[in-house]
Amino acid sequence: MAKYLNALPQLSGDVFLTDGGIETTLIFHDGLELPCFAAFDLLQSPQGKAALRRYFETYAALARKYDVGCILESATWRASSDWGDRLRYSAEQLAEANSQAIALLYEVRQTYETRQTPIVISGCVGPRGDGYSPDAFMTDSEAKTYHLPQITVFRDAGADLVTGITMTHTGEAIGIARGAMAVGMPVVLSFTVETDGKLPSGKPLGEAIEEVDEATGNGPIYYMINCAHPTHFMTTLETGGGWRSRLRGLRANASAKSHAELDEATALDEGHPEELARQYSDVRRLLPNLNVFGGCCGTDQRHVEAICRAVLAA
């Protein structure tokens, strides 16, 4: 049974950490192969499960070191049906993988949670298409139908909430929100933006948040930004409006390169952890409710620890 379903502790405003770039860490630092960038595929073997456990334990231990909260995001960004088909998973096998991903986080929570470090378990829902390009535009009803099976597994497995990560357009975001709301799950939505601060669909970030809120009756408990560097969206935040109060989480890329440049890159751009941490502090001054901090592509525990120190010192 979900522990924090009806009382999510990150809504208190206390600092919460989440993880970094799981796929880039597993590939470039751990030397693992992830077909279709699918971390959940590691659950098929004891060695893969052990690698995932080590990965999440790193961030749970980091949160406990600094006496802050932690949100563990399941390794299921690619674990929806289209991606499962590409990896030759049956519907039953895919559901089991999603359930196992949540169970693994339960094990980590049991070991690392303390009163000062509540550990929240989130079921991660990724885009149906490419995370860098809105190549699978869906209506909200199509998106709800597509994502509902995965969301339902998360509910049944005991996740505390659902997080839609790397959303590229509002139709899919609305559908995920409605799917989660239909089965009684709190939902967070995280948009990605291009170097101009707009979603890959071309919609400004603020308009996207306002559109989803209007369509869902302010259904998401909060919003996040991920898979973009702070320099890509600082101007947008500086000129933004009241929608900024809906942003509570940030998972930035280590690299300032565009999505197109990252797609072409053959080496990992890890950026500079301390510089990224300073940029997080700058972002926090523009977002009054920002309290969930992690990373995305190219980041690892070094970046997240530097970010943690910076926000705690502010």
C-alpha atoms as a PDB file:
ATOM      1  CA  MET A   1       0.000   0.000   0.000  1.00  0.00           C
ATOM      2  CA  ALA A   2       1.244   3.482  -0.874  1.00  0.00           C
ATOM      3  CA  LYS A   3       2.702   5.274   2.123  1.00  0.00           C
ATOM      4  CA  TYR A   4       2.360   8.912   1.083  1.00  0.00           C
ATOM      5  CA  LEU A   5      -0.478   8.789  -1.445  1.00  0.00           C
ATOM      6  CA  ASN A   6      -2.709  11.144   0.525  1.00  0.00           C
ATOM      7  CA  ALA A   7      -0.014  13.250   2.215  1.00  0.00           C
ATOM      8  CA  LEU A   8       2.939  13.876  -0.066  1.00  0.00           C
ATOM      9  CA  PRO A   9       5.703  15.324   2.138  1.00  0.00           C
ATOM     10  CA  GLN A  10       7.346  17.376  -0.629  1.00  0.00           C
ATOM     11  CA  LEU A  11       4.305  19.650  -0.591  1.00  0.00           C
ATOM     12  CA  SER A  12       5.562  20.980   2.756  1.00  0.00           C
ATOM     13  CA  GLY A  13       8.153  23.034   0.903  1.00  0.00           C
ATOM     14  CA  ASP A  14      11.118  21.233   2.492  1.00  0.00           C
ATOM     15  CA  VAL A  15      14.074  20.390   0.259  1.00  0.00           C
ATOM     16  CA  PHE A  16      13.730  17.079  -1.590  1.00  0.00           C
ATOM     17  CA  LEU A  17      16.327  15.458  -3.818  1.00  0.00           C
ATOM     18  CA  THR A  18      15.645  13.139  -6.679  1.00  0.00           C
ATOM     19  CA  ASP A  19      18.116  11.325  -8.913  1.00  0.00           C
ATOM     20  CA  GLY A  20      20.224  12.433 -11.868  1.00  0.00           C
ATOM     21  CA  GLY A  21      20.455  11.176 -15.415  1.00  0.00           C
ATOM     22  CA  ILE A  22      19.745   7.493 -14.942  1.00  0.00           C
ATOM     23  CA  GLU A  23      20.245   6.388 -18.535  1.00  0.00           C
ATOM     24  CA  THR A  24      23.430   8.380 -19.148  1.00  0.00           C
ATOM     25  CA  THR A  25      24.857   7.176 -15.832  1.00  0.00           C
ATOM     26  CA  LEU A  26      24.124   3.532 -16.557  1.00  0.00           C
ATOM     27  CA  ILE A  27      25.504   3.738 -20.085  1.00  0.00           C
ATOM     28  CA  PHE A  28      28.541   5.996 -19.740  1.00  0.00           C
ATOM     29  CA  HIS A  29      29.611   5.376 -16.138  1.00  0.00           C
ATOM     30  CA  ASP A  30      28.495   1.799 -15.561  1.00  0.00           C
ATOM     31  CA  GLY A  31      29.138   0.549 -19.107  1.00  0.00           C
ATOM     32  CA  LEU A  32      25.712  -1.061 -19.477  1.00  0.00           C
ATOM     33  CA  GLU A  33      23.710  -1.473 -22.659  1.00  0.00           C
ATOM     34  CA  LEU A  34      20.215   0.007 -22.671  1.00  0.00           C
ATOM     35  CA  PRO A  35      18.323  -0.914 -25.835  1.00  0.00           C
ATOM     36  CA  CYS A  36      15.966   1.923 -26.780  1.00  0.00           C
ATOM     37  CA  PHE A  37      17.395   3.842 -23.793  1.00  0.00           C
ATOM     38  CA  ALA A  38      15.213   1.577 -21.626  1.00  0.00           C
ATOM     39  CA  ALA A  39      16.575   1.257 -18.095  1.00  0.00           C
ATOM     40  CA  PHE A  40      13.702  -1.012 -17.065  1.00  0.00           C
ATOM     41  CA  ASP A  41      15.119  -3.749 -19.302  1.00  0.00           C
ATOM     42  CA  LEU A  42      17.838  -4.283 -16.673  1.00  0.00           C
ATOM     43  CA  LEU A  43      15.206  -5.820 -14.398  1.00  0.00           C
ATOM     44  CA  GLN A  44      15.425  -9.009 -16.453  1.00  0.00           C
ATOM     45  CA  SER A  45      18.683 -10.120 -14.810  1.00  0.00           C
ATOM     46  CA  PRO A  46      20.046 -10.222 -11.231  1.00  0.00           C
ATOM     47  CA  GLN A  47      23.035  -8.179 -12.375  1.00  0.00           C
ATOM     48  CA  GLY A  48      20.778  -5.554 -13.919  1.00  0.00           C
ATOM     49  CA  LYS A  49      18.616  -5.338 -10.808  1.00  0.00           C
ATOM     50  CA  ALA A  50      21.746  -4.913  -8.697  1.00  0.00           C
ATOM     51  CA  ALA A  51      22.923  -2.060 -10.936  1.00  0.00           C
ATOM     52  CA  LEU A  52      19.594  -0.282 -10.586  1.00  0.00           C
ATOM     53  CA  ARG A  53      19.576  -0.794  -6.833  1.00  0.00           C
ATOM     54  CA  ARG A  54      23.073   0.687  -6.522  1.00  0.00           C
ATOM     55  CA  TYR A  55      22.010   3.632  -8.630  1.00  0.00           C
ATOM     56  CA  PHE A  56      19.003   4.492  -6.467  1.00  0.00           C
ATOM     57  CA  GLU A  57      20.816   3.776  -3.216  1.00  0.00           C
ATOM     58  CA  THR A  58      23.354   6.444  -4.161  1.00  0.00           C
ATOM     59  CA  TYR A  59      20.675   9.140  -4.105  1.00  0.00           C
ATOM     60  CA  ALA A  60      18.825   7.812  -1.067  1.00  0.00           C
ATOM     61  CA  ALA A  61      22.117   7.838   0.849  1.00  0.00           C
ATOM     62  CA  LEU A  62      22.848  11.359  -0.384  1.00  0.00           C
ATOM     63  CA  ALA A  63      19.495  12.614   0.875  1.00  0.00           C
ATOM     64  CA  ARG A  64      20.051  10.957   4.235  1.00  0.00           C
ATOM     65  CA  LYS A  65      23.527  12.491   4.472  1.00  0.00           C
ATOM     66  CA  TYR A  66      22.015  15.981   4.275  1.00  0.00           C
ATOM     67  CA  ASP A  67      18.805  15.200   6.211  1.00  0.00           C
ATOM     68  CA  VAL A  68      16.559  16.146   3.300  1.00  0.00           C
ATOM     69  CA  GLY A  69      13.704  14.324   1.618  1.00  0.00           C
ATOM     70  CA  CYS A  70      14.052  12.063  -1.395  1.00  0.00           C
ATOM     71  CA  ILE A  71      11.849  11.195  -4.357  1.00  0.00           C
ATOM     72  CA  LEU A  72      12.786   7.950  -6.083  1.00  0.00           C
ATOM     73  CA  GLU A  73      11.646   7.927  -9.722  1.00  0.00           C
ATOM     74  CA  SER A  74      11.123   4.411 -11.092  1.00  0.00           C
ATOM     75  CA  ALA A  75      13.258   3.233 -14.013  1.00  0.00           C
ATOM     76  CA  THR A  76      10.205   3.054 -16.286  1.00  0.00           C
ATOM     77  CA  TRP A  77      10.510   6.078 -18.567  1.00  0.00           C
ATOM     78  CA  ARG A  78      10.463   3.703 -21.548  1.00  0.00           C
ATOM     79  CA  ALA A  79       8.140   1.074 -20.038  1.00  0.00           C
ATOM     80  CA  SER A  80       4.964   1.859 -21.979  1.00  0.00           C
ATOM     81  CA  SER A  81       3.457  -0.370 -24.641  1.00  0.00           C
ATOM     82  CA  ASP A  82       5.013   1.021 -27.837  1.00  0.00           C
ATOM     83  CA  TRP A  83       8.486   0.765 -26.344  1.00  0.00           C
ATOM     84  CA  GLY A  84       7.659  -2.626 -24.859  1.00  0.00           C
ATOM     85  CA  ASP A  85       6.675  -3.835 -28.323  1.00  0.00           C
ATOM     86  CA  ARG A  86      10.033  -2.715 -29.718  1.00  0.00           C
ATOM     87  CA  LEU A  87      11.781  -4.680 -26.989  1.00  0.00           C
ATOM     88  CA  ARG A  88       9.494  -7.701 -27.543  1.00  0.00           C
ATOM     89  CA  TYR A  89       7.765  -7.587 -24.179  1.00  0.00           C
ATOM     90  CA  SER A  90       4.263  -9.004 -23.943  1.00  0.00           C
ATOM     91  CA  ALA A  91       1.673  -6.910 -22.157  1.00  0.00           C
ATOM     92  CA  GLU A  92       1.986  -9.197 -19.137  1.00  0.00           C
ATOM     93  CA  GLN A  93       5.786  -8.961 -19.102  1.00  0.00           C
ATOM     94  CA  LEU A  94       5.653  -5.190 -19.366  1.00  0.00           C
ATOM     95  CA  ALA A  95       3.195  -4.913 -16.489  1.00  0.00           C
ATOM     96  CA  GLU A  96       5.422  -7.137 -14.381  1.00  0.00           C
ATOM     97  CA  ALA A  97       8.464  -4.985 -15.182  1.00  0.00           C
ATOM     98  CA  ASN A  98       6.619  -1.844 -14.097  1.00  0.00           C
ATOM     99  CA  SER A  99       5.557  -3.540 -10.886  1.00  0.00           C
ATOM    100  CA  GLN A 100       9.088  -4.806 -10.199  1.00  0.00           C
ATOM    101  CA  ALA A 101      10.476  -1.308 -10.722  1.00  0.00           C
ATOM    102  CA  ILE A 102       8.265  -0.017  -7.899  1.00  0.00           C
ATOM    103  CA  ALA A 103       9.101  -3.010  -5.686  1.00  0.00           C
ATOM    104  CA  LEU A 104      12.803  -2.254  -6.081  1.00  0.00           C
ATOM    105  CA  LEU A 105      12.249   1.274  -4.777  1.00  0.00           C
ATOM    106  CA  TYR A 106      10.349  -0.129  -1.800  1.00  0.00           C
ATOM    107  CA  GLU A 107      13.474  -2.099  -0.910  1.00  0.00           C
ATOM    108  CA  VAL A 108      15.614   1.037  -1.105  1.00  0.00           C
ATOM    109  CA  ARG A 109      13.148   2.998   1.014  1.00  0.00           C
ATOM    110  CA  GLN A 110      13.086   0.302   3.681  1.00  0.00           C
ATOM    111  CA  THR A 111      16.865   0.600   4.056  1.00  0.00           C
ATOM    112  CA  TYR A 112      17.385   4.356   3.837  1.00  0.00           C
ATOM    113  CA  GLU A 113      14.284   6.172   5.047  1.00  0.00           C
ATOM    114  CA  THR A 114      14.475   8.110   8.316  1.00  0.00           C
ATOM    115  CA  ARG A 115      12.229  10.676   9.986  1.00  0.00           C
ATOM    116  CA  GLN A 116      14.402  13.452   8.535  1.00  0.00           C
ATOM    117  CA  THR A 117      14.547  11.754   5.130  1.00  0.00           C
ATOM    118  CA  PRO A 118      11.096  10.678   3.980  1.00  0.00           C
ATOM    119  CA  ILE A 119      11.386   8.723   0.733  1.00  0.00           C
ATOM    120  CA  VAL A 120       8.579   9.122  -1.790  1.00  0.00           C
ATOM    121  CA  ILE A 121       8.133   6.563  -4.582  1.00  0.00           C
ATOM    122  CA  SER A 122       7.073   7.880  -7.978  1.00  0.00           C
ATOM    123  CA  GLY A 123       5.979   5.858 -10.985  1.00  0.00           C
ATOM    124  CA  CYS A 124       7.727   7.419 -13.967  1.00  0.00           C
ATOM    125  CA  VAL A 125       5.744   7.775 -17.186  1.00  0.00           C
ATOM    126  CA  GLY A 126       7.715   8.792 -20.267  1.00  0.00           C
ATOM    127  CA  PRO A 127       6.515  10.116 -23.619  1.00  0.00           C
ATOM    128  CA  ARG A 128       5.082   7.713 -26.149  1.00  0.00           C
ATOM    129  CA  GLY A 129       7.521   9.021 -28.720  1.00  0.00           C
ATOM    130  CA  ASP A 130      10.982  10.545 -28.616  1.00  0.00           C
ATOM    131  CA  GLY A 131      11.737  12.645 -25.568  1.00  0.00           C
ATOM    132  CA  TYR A 132      13.464  15.287 -27.674  1.00  0.00           C
ATOM    133  CA  SER A 133      10.854  15.619 -30.400  1.00  0.00           C
ATOM    134  CA  PRO A 134       7.036  15.591 -30.425  1.00  0.00           C
ATOM    135  CA  ASP A 135       6.978  12.885 -33.080  1.00  0.00           C
ATOM    136  CA  ALA A 136       3.906  11.204 -31.605  1.00  0.00           C
ATOM    137  CA  PHE A 137       1.332  13.973 -31.152  1.00  0.00           C
ATOM    138  CA  MET A 138      -1.732  12.661 -29.389  1.00  0.00           C
ATOM    139  CA  THR A 139      -5.027  14.077 -28.311  1.00  0.00           C
ATOM    140  CA  ASP A 140      -5.607  14.019 -24.591  1.00  0.00           C
ATOM    141  CA  SER A 141      -8.089  11.141 -24.955  1.00  0.00           C
ATOM    142  CA  GLU A 142      -5.597   9.093 -26.984  1.00  0.00           C
ATOM    143  CA  ALA A 143      -2.894   9.786 -24.415  1.00  0.00           C
ATOM    144  CA  LYS A 144      -5.126   8.793 -21.509  1.00  0.00           C
ATOM    145  CA  THR A 145      -5.974   5.492 -23.205  1.00  0.00           C
ATOM    146  CA  TYR A 146      -2.333   4.809 -24.066  1.00  0.00           C
ATOM    147  CA  HIS A 147      -0.812   5.598 -20.662  1.00  0.00           C
ATOM    148  CA  LEU A 148      -3.576   4.324 -18.369  1.00  0.00           C
ATOM    149  CA  PRO A 149      -2.355   0.682 -18.228  1.00  0.00           C
ATOM    150  CA  GLN A 150       1.075   1.728 -16.917  1.00  0.00           C
ATOM    151  CA  ILE A 151      -0.439   4.215 -14.464  1.00  0.00           C
ATOM    152  CA  THR A 152      -2.807   1.534 -13.159  1.00  0.00           C
ATOM    153  CA  VAL A 153       0.109  -0.834 -12.532  1.00  0.00           C
ATOM    154  CA  PHE A 154       1.833   1.904 -10.522  1.00  0.00           C
ATOM    155  CA  ARG A 155      -1.284   2.371  -8.413  1.00  0.00           C
ATOM    156  CA  ASP A 156      -1.619  -1.360  -7.785  1.00  0.00           C
ATOM    157  CA  ALA A 157       2.109  -1.666  -6.981  1.00  0.00           C
ATOM    158  CA  GLY A 158       1.839   1.003  -4.278  1.00  0.00           C
ATOM    159  CA  ALA A 159       3.517   4.040  -5.829  1.00  0.00           C
ATOM    160  CA  ASP A 160       2.876   7.302  -3.999  1.00  0.00           C
ATOM    161  CA  LEU A 161       2.387   9.342  -7.167  1.00  0.00           C
ATOM    162  CA  VAL A 162       2.851   9.338 -10.931  1.00  0.00           C
ATOM    163  CA  THR A 163       5.263  11.670 -12.733  1.00  0.00           C
ATOM    164  CA  GLY A 164       5.095  12.337 -16.457  1.00  0.00           C
ATOM    165  CA  ILE A 165       8.691  13.093 -17.440  1.00  0.00           C
ATOM    166  CA  THR A 166       9.978  14.902 -20.572  1.00  0.00           C
ATOM    167  CA  MET A 167       6.605  15.980 -21.881  1.00  0.00           C
ATOM    168  CA  THR A 168       6.909  17.564 -25.308  1.00  0.00           C
ATOM    169  CA  HIS A 169       3.314  18.669 -25.941  1.00  0.00           C
ATOM    170  CA  THR A 170       0.196  19.406 -23.960  1.00  0.00           C
ATOM    171  CA  GLY A 171      -2.088  16.727 -25.405  1.00  0.00           C
ATOM    172  CA  GLU A 172      -0.014  13.946 -23.918  1.00  0.00           C
ATOM    173  CA  ALA A 173       0.433  15.809 -20.640  1.00  0.00           C
ATOM    174  CA  ILE A 174      -3.307  16.323 -20.253  1.00  0.00           C
ATOM    175  CA  GLY A 175      -3.974  12.667 -21.043  1.00  0.00           C
ATOM    176  CA  ILE A 176      -1.492  11.474 -18.421  1.00  0.00           C
ATOM    177  CA  ALA A 177      -2.995  13.816 -15.840  1.00  0.00           C
ATOM    178  CA  ARG A 178      -6.514  12.611 -16.587  1.00  0.00           C
ATOM    179  CA  GLY A 179      -5.409   8.978 -16.486  1.00  0.00           C
ATOM    180  CA  ALA A 180      -3.806   9.391 -13.084  1.00  0.00           C
ATOM    181  CA  MET A 181      -6.765  11.317 -11.720  1.00  0.00           C
ATOM    182  CA  ALA A 182      -9.134   8.609 -12.980  1.00  0.00           C
ATOM    183  CA  VAL A 183      -7.454   5.985 -10.791  1.00  0.00           C
ATOM    184  CA  GLY A 184      -6.916   8.230  -7.780  1.00  0.00           C
ATOM    185  CA  MET A 185      -3.191   8.877  -8.213  1.00  0.00           C
ATOM    186  CA  PRO A 186      -1.525  12.253  -7.543  1.00  0.00           C
ATOM    187  CA  VAL A 187       0.240  13.380 -10.712  1.00  0.00           C
ATOM    188  CA  VAL A 188       3.216  15.612 -11.480  1.00  0.00           C
ATOM    189  CA  LEU A 189       4.060  16.757 -15.003  1.00  0.00           C
ATOM    190  CA  SER A 190       7.538  17.703 -16.177  1.00  0.00           C
ATOM    191  CA  PHE A 191       7.975  19.556 -19.458  1.00  0.00           C
ATOM    192  CA  THR A 192      11.145  19.727 -21.510  1.00  0.00           C
ATOM    193  CA  VAL A 193      12.019  22.855 -23.470  1.00  0.00           C
ATOM    194  CA  GLU A 194      14.319  23.798 -26.320  1.00  0.00           C
ATOM    195  CA  THR A 195      17.029  26.465 -26.190  1.00  0.00           C
ATOM    196  CA  ASP A 196      14.356  29.141 -26.721  1.00  0.00           C
ATOM    197  CA  GLY A 197      12.467  28.114 -23.602  1.00  0.00           C
ATOM    198  CA  LYS A 198       9.549  26.667 -25.579  1.00  0.00           C
ATOM    199  CA  LEU A 199       8.324  23.086 -25.666  1.00  0.00           C
ATOM    200  CA  PRO A 200       9.465  21.028 -28.674  1.00  0.00           C
ATOM    201  CA  SER A 201       5.916  21.521 -29.987  1.00  0.00           C
ATOM    202  CA  GLY A 202       6.619  25.280 -30.089  1.00  0.00           C
ATOM    203  CA  LYS A 203       4.263  26.208 -27.253  1.00  0.00           C
ATOM    204  CA  PRO A 204       5.657  28.560 -24.590  1.00  0.00           C
ATOM    205  CA  LEU A 205       6.166  26.890 -21.213  1.00  0.00           C
ATOM    206  CA  GLY A 206       3.780  29.186 -19.367  1.00  0.00           C
ATOM    207  CA  GLU A 207       1.017  28.627 -21.906  1.00  0.00           C
ATOM    208  CA  ALA A 208       1.502  24.866 -21.636  1.00  0.00           C
ATOM    209  CA  ILE A 209       1.109  24.904 -17.849  1.00  0.00           C
ATOM    210  CA  GLU A 210      -1.944  27.151 -18.065  1.00  0.00           C
ATOM    211  CA  GLU A 211      -3.516  24.969 -20.767  1.00  0.00           C
ATOM    212  CA  VAL A 212      -3.073  21.769 -18.764  1.00  0.00           C
ATOM    213  CA  ASP A 213      -4.386  23.403 -15.609  1.00  0.00           C
ATOM    214  CA  GLU A 214      -7.463  24.689 -17.424  1.00  0.00           C
ATOM    215  CA  ALA A 215      -8.145  21.316 -19.057  1.00  0.00           C
ATOM    216  CA  THR A 216      -7.762  19.337 -15.825  1.00  0.00           C
ATOM    217  CA  GLY A 217      -9.066  21.724 -13.187  1.00  0.00           C
ATOM    218  CA  ASN A 218      -5.539  22.234 -11.814  1.00  0.00           C
ATOM    219  CA  GLY A 219      -5.189  18.464 -11.674  1.00  0.00           C
ATOM    220  CA  PRO A 220      -1.389  18.148 -11.428  1.00  0.00           C
ATOM    221  CA  ILE A 221      -0.146  18.715  -7.895  1.00  0.00           C
ATOM    222  CA  TYR A 222       2.789  20.600  -9.400  1.00  0.00           C
ATOM    223  CA  TYR A 223       4.964  20.894 -12.484  1.00  0.00           C
ATOM    224  CA  MET A 224       8.655  20.427 -13.210  1.00  0.00           C
ATOM    225  CA  ILE A 225      11.182  21.186 -15.940  1.00  0.00           C
ATOM    226  CA  ASN A 226      13.594  18.499 -17.091  1.00  0.00           C
ATOM    227  CA  CYS A 227      16.026  17.639 -19.878  1.00  0.00           C
ATOM    228  CA  ALA A 228      17.055  21.240 -20.545  1.00  0.00           C
ATOM    229  CA  HIS A 229      19.878  23.425 -19.272  1.00  0.00           C
ATOM    230  CA  PRO A 230      19.053  26.451 -17.063  1.00  0.00           C
ATOM    231  CA  THR A 231      20.362  28.809 -19.737  1.00  0.00           C
ATOM    232  CA  HIS A 232      17.591  27.540 -22.019  1.00  0.00           C
ATOM    233  CA  PHE A 233      14.722  28.724 -19.822  1.00  0.00           C
ATOM    234  CA  MET A 234      16.034  31.500 -17.568  1.00  0.00           C
ATOM    235  CA  THR A 235      14.687  34.269 -19.803  1.00  0.00           C
ATOM    236  CA  THR A 236      11.305  32.540 -19.934  1.00  0.00           C
ATOM    237  CA  LEU A 237      11.188  32.422 -16.148  1.00  0.00           C
ATOM    238  CA  GLU A 238      12.334  36.030 -15.788  1.00  0.00           C
ATOM    239  CA  THR A 239       9.501  37.263 -17.990  1.00  0.00           C
ATOM    240  CA  GLY A 240       6.907  34.758 -16.771  1.00  0.00           C
ATOM    241  CA  GLY A 241       3.713  35.231 -14.804  1.00  0.00           C
ATOM    242  CA  GLY A 242       1.723  33.546 -12.093  1.00  0.00           C
ATOM    243  CA  TRP A 243       2.200  30.105 -13.647  1.00  0.00           C
ATOM    244  CA  ARG A 244       5.694  30.076 -12.171  1.00  0.00           C
ATOM    245  CA  SER A 245       4.193  29.299  -8.759  1.00  0.00           C
ATOM    246  CA  ARG A 246       3.102  25.912 -10.149  1.00  0.00           C
ATOM    247  CA  LEU A 247       6.709  24.859 -10.744  1.00  0.00           C
ATOM    248  CA  ARG A 248       8.103  22.896  -7.817  1.00  0.00           C
ATOM    249  CA  GLY A 249      10.775  20.678  -9.394  1.00  0.00           C
ATOM    250  CA  LEU A 250      13.836  20.966 -11.625  1.00  0.00           C
ATOM    251  CA  ARG A 251      15.910  18.250 -13.281  1.00  0.00           C
ATOM    252  CA  ALA A 252      18.275  20.056 -15.647  1.00  0.00           C
ATOM    253  CA  ASN A 253      20.790  18.656 -18.094  1.00  0.00           C
ATOM    254  CA  ALA A 254      24.483  18.985 -17.321  1.00  0.00           C
ATOM    255  CA  SER A 255      25.119  20.209 -20.852  1.00  0.00           C
ATOM    256  CA  ALA A 256      24.028  23.506 -22.385  1.00  0.00           C
ATOM    257  CA  LYS A 257      23.830  21.841 -25.808  1.00  0.00           C
ATOM    258  CA  SER A 258      20.547  21.705 -27.666  1.00  0.00           C
ATOM    259  CA  HIS A 259      18.585  18.477 -27.977  1.00  0.00           C
ATOM    260  CA  ALA A 260      19.717  18.173 -31.588  1.00  0.00           C
ATOM    261  CA  GLU A 261      23.362  18.539 -30.559  1.00  0.00           C
ATOM    262  CA  LEU A 262      22.964  15.981 -27.786  1.00  0.00           C
ATOM    263  CA  ASP A 263      21.422  13.550 -30.245  1.00  0.00           C
ATOM    264  CA  GLU A 264      24.535  13.795 -32.408  1.00  0.00           C
ATOM    265  CA  ALA A 265      27.041  13.647 -29.530  1.00  0.00           C
ATOM    266  CA  THR A 266      29.200  10.546 -29.163  1.00  0.00           C
ATOM    267  CA  ALA A 267      30.659  11.467 -25.762  1.00  0.00           C
ATOM    268  CA  LEU A 268      28.966  12.460 -22.532  1.00  0.00           C
ATOM    269  CA  ASP A 269      28.976  16.192 -21.751  1.00  0.00           C
ATOM    270  CA  GLU A 270      29.064  16.298 -17.945  1.00  0.00           C
ATOM    271  CA  GLY A 271      29.258  20.078 -17.684  1.00  0.00           C
ATOM    272  CA  HIS A 272      30.464  21.521 -14.370  1.00  0.00           C
ATOM    273  CA  PRO A 273      28.630  20.442 -11.186  1.00  0.00           C
ATOM    274  CA  GLU A 274      29.416  23.578  -9.176  1.00  0.00           C
ATOM    275  CA  GLU A 275      28.431  25.886 -12.013  1.00  0.00           C
ATOM    276  CA  LEU A 276      25.167  24.004 -12.493  1.00  0.00           C
ATOM    277  CA  ALA A 277      24.503  24.269  -8.762  1.00  0.00           C
ATOM    278  CA  ARG A 278      24.911  28.059  -8.906  1.00  0.00           C
ATOM    279  CA  GLN A 279      22.481  28.183 -11.801  1.00  0.00           C
ATOM    280  CA  TYR A 280      19.949  26.198  -9.757  1.00  0.00           C
ATOM    281  CA  SER A 281      20.247  28.837  -7.041  1.00  0.00           C
ATOM    282  CA  ASP A 282      19.527  31.509  -9.656  1.00  0.00           C
ATOM    283  CA  VAL A 283      16.464  29.597 -10.846  1.00  0.00           C
ATOM    284  CA  ARG A 284      15.231  29.146  -7.283  1.00  0.00           C
ATOM    285  CA  ARG A 285      15.147  32.904  -6.784  1.00  0.00           C
ATOM    286  CA  LEU A 286      12.641  33.125  -9.641  1.00  0.00           C
ATOM    287  CA  LEU A 287      10.455  30.219  -8.531  1.00  0.00           C
ATOM    288  CA  PRO A 288       9.042  30.711  -5.035  1.00  0.00           C
ATOM    289  CA  ASN A 289       7.871  27.107  -4.607  1.00  0.00           C
ATOM    290  CA  LEU A 290      10.865  25.267  -6.078  1.00  0.00           C
ATOM    291  CA  ASN A 291      11.953  22.543  -3.639  1.00  0.00           C
ATOM    292  CA  VAL A 292      12.500  19.310  -5.637  1.00  0.00           C
ATOM    293  CA  PHE A 293      16.002  19.097  -7.088  1.00  0.00           C
ATOM    294  CA  GLY A 294      17.633  16.506  -9.313  1.00  0.00           C
ATOM    295  CA  GLY A 295      19.266  16.184 -12.695  1.00  0.00           C
ATOM    296  CA  CYS A 296      18.745  14.797 -16.163  1.00  0.00           C
ATOM    297  CA  CYS A 297      21.085  13.871 -19.035  1.00  0.00           C
ATOM    298  CA  GLY A 298      24.761  13.954 -18.097  1.00  0.00           C
ATOM    299  CA  THR A 299      24.218  14.528 -14.377  1.00  0.00           C
ATOM    300  CA  ASP A 300      25.122  12.129 -11.592  1.00  0.00           C
ATOM    301  CA  GLN A 301      25.507  12.202  -7.811  1.00  0.00           C
ATOM    302  CA  ARG A 302      28.248  14.852  -8.031  1.00  0.00           C
ATOM    303  CA  HIS A 303      25.872  17.311  -9.638  1.00  0.00           C
ATOM    304  CA  VAL A 304      22.980  16.533  -7.309  1.00  0.00           C
ATOM    305  CA  GLU A 305      25.173  16.846  -4.222  1.00  0.00           C
ATOM    306  CA  ALA A 306      26.527  20.209  -5.399  1.00  0.00           C
ATOM    307  CA  ILE A 307      22.956  21.368  -6.042  1.00  0.00           C
ATOM    308  CA  CYS A 308      21.898  20.181  -2.595  1.00  0.00           C
ATOM    309  CA  ARG A 309      24.698  22.098  -0.887  1.00  0.00           C
ATOM    310  CA  ALA A 310      23.892  25.235  -2.873  1.00  0.00           C
ATOM    311  CA  VAL A 311      20.173  25.294  -2.110  1.00  0.00           C
ATOM    312  CA  LEU A 312      20.694  24.465   1.563  1.00  0.00           C
ATOM    313  CA  ALA A 313      23.205  27.308   1.859  1.00  0.00           C
ATOM    314  CA  ALA A 314      20.907  29.854   0.243  1.00  0.00           C
END
